[in-house]
């Protein structure tokens, strides 16, 4: 009986620790939050007339949004970064966009 209880406790601890985040891995909740942030950022870029035709890729990890791809001008780069900074949940923006 004690052996079964110990095995059950070990299984529960393994399952719970599998959902925890590390410096290189998100928890399930963080992944869901980042997915929502990415969707908000993509929608904001698509709905912005100046950026709509730009080829901007969006990735989010623990609230840090990375923008990459190609835009038409340095002004578009600055505009995209400022736009993303206003979105709820965004902790920081990393710019890796390039001019066409």
N, C-alpha and C. Protein backbone atom coordinates (compact mmCIF):
# COMPACT_ATOMS: atom_id res chain seq x y z
N UNK A 1 0.82 -1.19 0.00
CA UNK A 1 0.00 0.00 0.00
C UNK A 1 0.87 1.26 0.00
N UNK A 2 1.91 1.24 0.81
CA UNK A 2 2.82 2.38 0.88
C UNK A 2 3.54 2.57 -0.45
N UNK A 3 3.88 1.48 -1.10
CA UNK A 3 4.56 1.54 -2.39
C UNK A 3 3.68 2.17 -3.45
N UNK A 4 2.39 1.86 -3.45
CA UNK A 4 1.44 2.44 -4.40
C UNK A 4 1.30 3.94 -4.16
N UNK A 5 1.21 4.34 -2.90
CA UNK A 5 1.10 5.76 -2.58
C UNK A 5 2.34 6.52 -3.02
N UNK A 6 3.52 5.94 -2.80
CA UNK A 6 4.76 6.59 -3.21
C UNK A 6 4.84 6.72 -4.72
N UNK A 7 4.43 5.68 -5.43
CA UNK A 7 4.44 5.71 -6.89
C UNK A 7 3.46 6.75 -7.42
N UNK A 8 2.30 6.84 -6.79
CA UNK A 8 1.30 7.84 -7.20
C UNK A 8 1.81 9.25 -6.97
N UNK A 9 2.44 9.47 -5.83
CA UNK A 9 3.00 10.79 -5.53
C UNK A 9 4.08 11.16 -6.52
N UNK A 10 4.92 10.22 -6.89
CA UNK A 10 5.98 10.48 -7.86
C UNK A 10 5.38 10.83 -9.23
N UNK A 11 4.33 10.13 -9.61
CA UNK A 11 3.68 10.40 -10.90
C UNK A 11 3.06 11.79 -10.92
N UNK A 12 2.42 12.18 -9.83
CA UNK A 12 1.81 13.51 -9.74
C UNK A 12 2.89 14.58 -9.81
N UNK A 13 3.97 14.42 -9.08
CA UNK A 13 5.05 15.41 -9.10
C UNK A 13 5.67 15.53 -10.48
N UNK A 14 5.83 14.43 -11.17
CA UNK A 14 6.38 14.45 -12.52
C UNK A 14 5.44 15.19 -13.47
N UNK A 15 4.17 14.93 -13.36
CA UNK A 15 3.19 15.58 -14.23
C UNK A 15 3.13 17.07 -13.97
N UNK A 16 3.15 17.48 -12.72
CA UNK A 16 3.07 18.90 -12.37
C UNK A 16 4.33 19.62 -12.80
N UNK A 17 5.50 19.04 -12.58
CA UNK A 17 6.73 19.71 -12.96
C UNK A 17 6.87 19.79 -14.47
N UNK A 18 6.20 18.95 -15.21
CA UNK A 18 6.21 19.01 -16.67
C UNK A 18 5.53 20.24 -17.21
N UNK A 19 4.68 20.88 -16.43
CA UNK A 19 3.96 22.08 -16.85
C UNK A 19 4.66 23.36 -16.41
N UNK A 20 5.73 23.25 -15.66
CA UNK A 20 6.43 24.42 -15.17
C UNK A 20 7.32 24.99 -16.26
N UNK A 21 7.58 26.29 -16.18
CA UNK A 21 8.43 26.90 -17.18
C UNK A 21 9.88 26.92 -16.71
N UNK A 22 10.76 26.99 -17.68
CA UNK A 22 12.18 27.17 -17.41
C UNK A 22 12.64 28.37 -18.23
N UNK A 23 13.92 28.69 -18.18
CA UNK A 23 14.39 29.84 -18.94
C UNK A 23 14.29 29.63 -20.45
N UNK A 24 14.25 28.38 -20.88
CA UNK A 24 14.18 28.10 -22.32
C UNK A 24 12.87 27.45 -22.74
N UNK A 25 11.97 27.20 -21.81
CA UNK A 25 10.71 26.53 -22.12
C UNK A 25 9.57 27.21 -21.40
N UNK A 26 8.46 27.39 -22.11
CA UNK A 26 7.28 28.03 -21.53
C UNK A 26 6.40 27.01 -20.82
N UNK A 27 5.66 27.50 -19.84
CA UNK A 27 4.61 26.66 -19.25
C UNK A 27 3.43 26.66 -20.22
N UNK A 28 2.47 25.80 -19.97
CA UNK A 28 1.29 25.74 -20.83
C UNK A 28 0.56 27.07 -20.84
N UNK A 29 0.42 27.69 -19.68
CA UNK A 29 -0.25 28.99 -19.60
C UNK A 29 0.49 30.07 -20.36
N UNK A 30 1.80 30.09 -20.24
CA UNK A 30 2.59 31.09 -20.97
C UNK A 30 2.48 30.87 -22.47
N UNK A 31 2.47 29.62 -22.89
CA UNK A 31 2.32 29.32 -24.31
C UNK A 31 1.00 29.87 -24.83
N UNK A 32 -0.06 29.67 -24.08
CA UNK A 32 -1.38 30.17 -24.48
C UNK A 32 -1.39 31.70 -24.52
N UNK A 33 -0.78 32.34 -23.52
CA UNK A 33 -0.69 33.80 -23.50
C UNK A 33 0.09 34.30 -24.71
N UNK A 34 1.21 33.66 -25.01
CA UNK A 34 2.03 34.07 -26.14
C UNK A 34 1.31 33.87 -27.47
N UNK A 35 0.53 32.82 -27.56
CA UNK A 35 -0.26 32.58 -28.77
C UNK A 35 -1.27 33.71 -28.97
N UNK A 36 -1.89 34.14 -27.89
CA UNK A 36 -2.86 35.24 -27.96
C UNK A 36 -2.16 36.55 -28.33
N UNK A 37 -1.01 36.81 -27.74
CA UNK A 37 -0.25 38.02 -28.07
C UNK A 37 0.14 38.03 -29.54
N UNK A 38 0.64 36.90 -30.02
CA UNK A 38 1.02 36.81 -31.43
C UNK A 38 -0.17 37.10 -32.34
N UNK A 39 -1.33 36.58 -32.00
CA UNK A 39 -2.54 36.83 -32.80
C UNK A 39 -2.90 38.31 -32.78
N UNK A 40 -2.82 38.95 -31.61
CA UNK A 40 -3.12 40.38 -31.51
C UNK A 40 -2.15 41.21 -32.33
N UNK A 41 -0.87 40.85 -32.28
CA UNK A 41 0.15 41.60 -33.03
C UNK A 41 -0.08 41.45 -34.53
N UNK A 42 -0.31 40.23 -34.99
CA UNK A 42 -0.54 40.01 -36.42
C UNK A 42 -1.78 40.77 -36.89
N UNK A 43 -2.82 40.78 -36.08
CA UNK A 43 -4.05 41.51 -36.44
C UNK A 43 -3.78 43.00 -36.51
N UNK A 44 -3.05 43.53 -35.53
CA UNK A 44 -2.74 44.97 -35.52
C UNK A 44 -1.92 45.36 -36.74
N UNK A 45 -0.95 44.54 -37.11
CA UNK A 45 -0.12 44.84 -38.28
C UNK A 45 -0.96 44.77 -39.55
N UNK A 46 -1.80 43.75 -39.67
CA UNK A 46 -2.64 43.59 -40.85
C UNK A 46 -3.63 44.74 -41.00
N UNK A 47 -4.16 45.22 -39.87
CA UNK A 47 -5.16 46.29 -39.91
C UNK A 47 -4.55 47.68 -40.05
N UNK A 48 -3.24 47.80 -39.96
CA UNK A 48 -2.56 49.08 -40.11
C UNK A 48 -2.26 49.31 -41.59
N UNK A 49 -2.80 50.40 -42.14
CA UNK A 49 -2.66 50.66 -43.58
C UNK A 49 -1.20 50.77 -44.01
N UNK A 50 -0.35 51.33 -43.17
CA UNK A 50 1.07 51.51 -43.53
C UNK A 50 1.83 50.19 -43.55
N UNK A 51 1.40 49.23 -42.75
CA UNK A 51 2.15 47.98 -42.61
C UNK A 51 1.49 46.79 -43.29
N UNK A 52 0.28 46.95 -43.75
CA UNK A 52 -0.50 45.84 -44.28
C UNK A 52 0.24 45.05 -45.36
N UNK A 53 0.98 45.74 -46.22
CA UNK A 53 1.66 45.06 -47.32
C UNK A 53 3.06 44.58 -46.94
N UNK A 54 3.49 44.89 -45.73
CA UNK A 54 4.82 44.48 -45.29
C UNK A 54 4.86 42.97 -45.05
N UNK A 55 6.05 42.42 -45.15
CA UNK A 55 6.24 40.99 -44.91
C UNK A 55 6.87 40.81 -43.53
N UNK A 56 6.04 40.95 -42.50
CA UNK A 56 6.52 40.91 -41.12
C UNK A 56 6.11 39.60 -40.47
N UNK A 57 7.10 38.89 -39.94
CA UNK A 57 6.85 37.66 -39.20
C UNK A 57 6.85 37.99 -37.71
N UNK A 58 6.02 37.29 -36.96
CA UNK A 58 5.86 37.56 -35.53
C UNK A 58 6.06 36.27 -34.75
N UNK A 59 6.92 36.33 -33.74
CA UNK A 59 7.10 35.23 -32.80
C UNK A 59 7.10 35.81 -31.40
N UNK A 60 6.50 35.09 -30.46
CA UNK A 60 6.42 35.56 -29.08
C UNK A 60 6.91 34.47 -28.14
N UNK A 61 7.76 34.86 -27.18
CA UNK A 61 8.25 33.94 -26.16
C UNK A 61 8.27 34.68 -24.83
N UNK A 62 7.42 34.22 -23.91
CA UNK A 62 7.30 34.81 -22.58
C UNK A 62 7.05 36.32 -22.64
N UNK A 63 6.17 36.72 -23.55
CA UNK A 63 5.77 38.12 -23.66
C UNK A 63 6.71 38.99 -24.47
N UNK A 64 7.82 38.44 -24.92
CA UNK A 64 8.77 39.19 -25.75
C UNK A 64 8.47 38.87 -27.21
N UNK A 65 8.11 39.90 -27.96
CA UNK A 65 7.72 39.74 -29.36
C UNK A 65 8.92 40.03 -30.25
N UNK A 66 9.21 39.10 -31.16
CA UNK A 66 10.27 39.32 -32.14
C UNK A 66 9.63 39.55 -33.49
N UNK A 67 10.00 40.67 -34.10
CA UNK A 67 9.52 41.01 -35.43
C UNK A 67 10.66 40.80 -36.41
N UNK A 68 10.38 40.07 -37.48
CA UNK A 68 11.38 39.85 -38.52
C UNK A 68 10.70 39.96 -39.87
N UNK A 69 11.50 40.00 -40.90
CA UNK A 69 10.94 40.10 -42.24
C UNK A 69 11.36 41.38 -42.91
N UNK A 70 10.57 41.81 -43.91
CA UNK A 70 10.96 42.94 -44.74
C UNK A 70 9.89 44.01 -44.78
N UNK A 71 10.34 45.27 -44.71
CA UNK A 71 9.45 46.43 -44.79
C UNK A 71 10.04 47.41 -45.81
N UNK A 72 9.24 48.41 -46.17
CA UNK A 72 9.65 49.34 -47.22
C UNK A 72 10.57 50.47 -46.76
N UNK A 73 10.51 50.83 -45.45
CA UNK A 73 11.31 51.98 -45.01
C UNK A 73 11.65 51.86 -43.52
N UNK A 74 12.61 52.66 -43.12
CA UNK A 74 12.98 52.72 -41.70
C UNK A 74 11.82 53.25 -40.87
N UNK A 75 11.02 54.11 -41.46
CA UNK A 75 9.84 54.64 -40.79
C UNK A 75 8.85 53.51 -40.47
N UNK A 76 8.71 52.57 -41.41
CA UNK A 76 7.83 51.42 -41.19
C UNK A 76 8.34 50.55 -40.03
N UNK A 77 9.65 50.40 -39.92
CA UNK A 77 10.23 49.65 -38.81
C UNK A 77 9.88 50.30 -37.49
N UNK A 78 10.11 51.60 -37.40
CA UNK A 78 9.80 52.33 -36.16
C UNK A 78 8.31 52.27 -35.85
N UNK A 79 7.49 52.41 -36.87
CA UNK A 79 6.04 52.38 -36.69
C UNK A 79 5.58 51.01 -36.17
N UNK A 80 6.13 49.94 -36.75
CA UNK A 80 5.75 48.59 -36.32
C UNK A 80 6.13 48.34 -34.86
N UNK A 81 7.33 48.75 -34.48
CA UNK A 81 7.78 48.56 -33.10
C UNK A 81 6.88 49.33 -32.14
N UNK A 82 6.59 50.58 -32.45
CA UNK A 82 5.72 51.38 -31.58
C UNK A 82 4.32 50.79 -31.49
N UNK A 83 3.80 50.29 -32.60
CA UNK A 83 2.48 49.68 -32.61
C UNK A 83 2.44 48.46 -31.70
N UNK A 84 3.44 47.61 -31.81
CA UNK A 84 3.48 46.38 -31.02
C UNK A 84 3.65 46.69 -29.53
N UNK A 85 4.40 47.72 -29.20
CA UNK A 85 4.60 48.08 -27.79
C UNK A 85 3.30 48.47 -27.10
N UNK A 86 2.29 48.87 -27.85
CA UNK A 86 1.02 49.29 -27.26
C UNK A 86 0.08 48.12 -26.96
N UNK A 87 0.43 46.94 -27.43
CA UNK A 87 -0.47 45.78 -27.29
C UNK A 87 -0.34 45.17 -25.90
N UNK A 88 -1.47 44.89 -25.31
CA UNK A 88 -1.53 44.32 -23.97
C UNK A 88 -0.81 42.98 -23.90
N UNK A 89 0.03 42.83 -22.88
CA UNK A 89 0.75 41.58 -22.68
C UNK A 89 2.17 41.59 -23.23
N UNK A 90 2.48 42.54 -24.10
CA UNK A 90 3.82 42.63 -24.68
C UNK A 90 4.77 43.23 -23.65
N UNK A 91 5.79 42.45 -23.28
CA UNK A 91 6.79 42.91 -22.31
C UNK A 91 7.93 43.66 -22.99
N UNK A 92 8.30 43.23 -24.20
CA UNK A 92 9.39 43.85 -24.94
C UNK A 92 9.24 43.49 -26.41
N UNK A 93 9.92 44.27 -27.26
CA UNK A 93 9.89 44.01 -28.70
C UNK A 93 11.33 43.91 -29.18
N UNK A 94 11.62 42.83 -29.89
CA UNK A 94 12.94 42.66 -30.53
C UNK A 94 12.75 42.88 -32.02
N UNK A 95 13.50 43.79 -32.56
CA UNK A 95 13.38 44.14 -33.95
C UNK A 95 14.45 43.45 -34.78
N UNK A 96 14.02 42.63 -35.71
CA UNK A 96 14.94 41.99 -36.65
C UNK A 96 14.43 42.20 -38.06
N UNK A 97 13.71 43.30 -38.29
CA UNK A 97 13.18 43.60 -39.60
C UNK A 97 14.26 44.23 -40.48
N UNK A 98 14.14 44.03 -41.76
CA UNK A 98 15.09 44.54 -42.74
C UNK A 98 14.36 45.33 -43.83
N UNK A 99 15.10 46.22 -44.46
CA UNK A 99 14.53 46.98 -45.57
C UNK A 99 14.55 46.13 -46.83
N UNK A 100 13.52 46.29 -47.65
CA UNK A 100 13.45 45.56 -48.93
C UNK A 100 14.48 46.11 -49.89
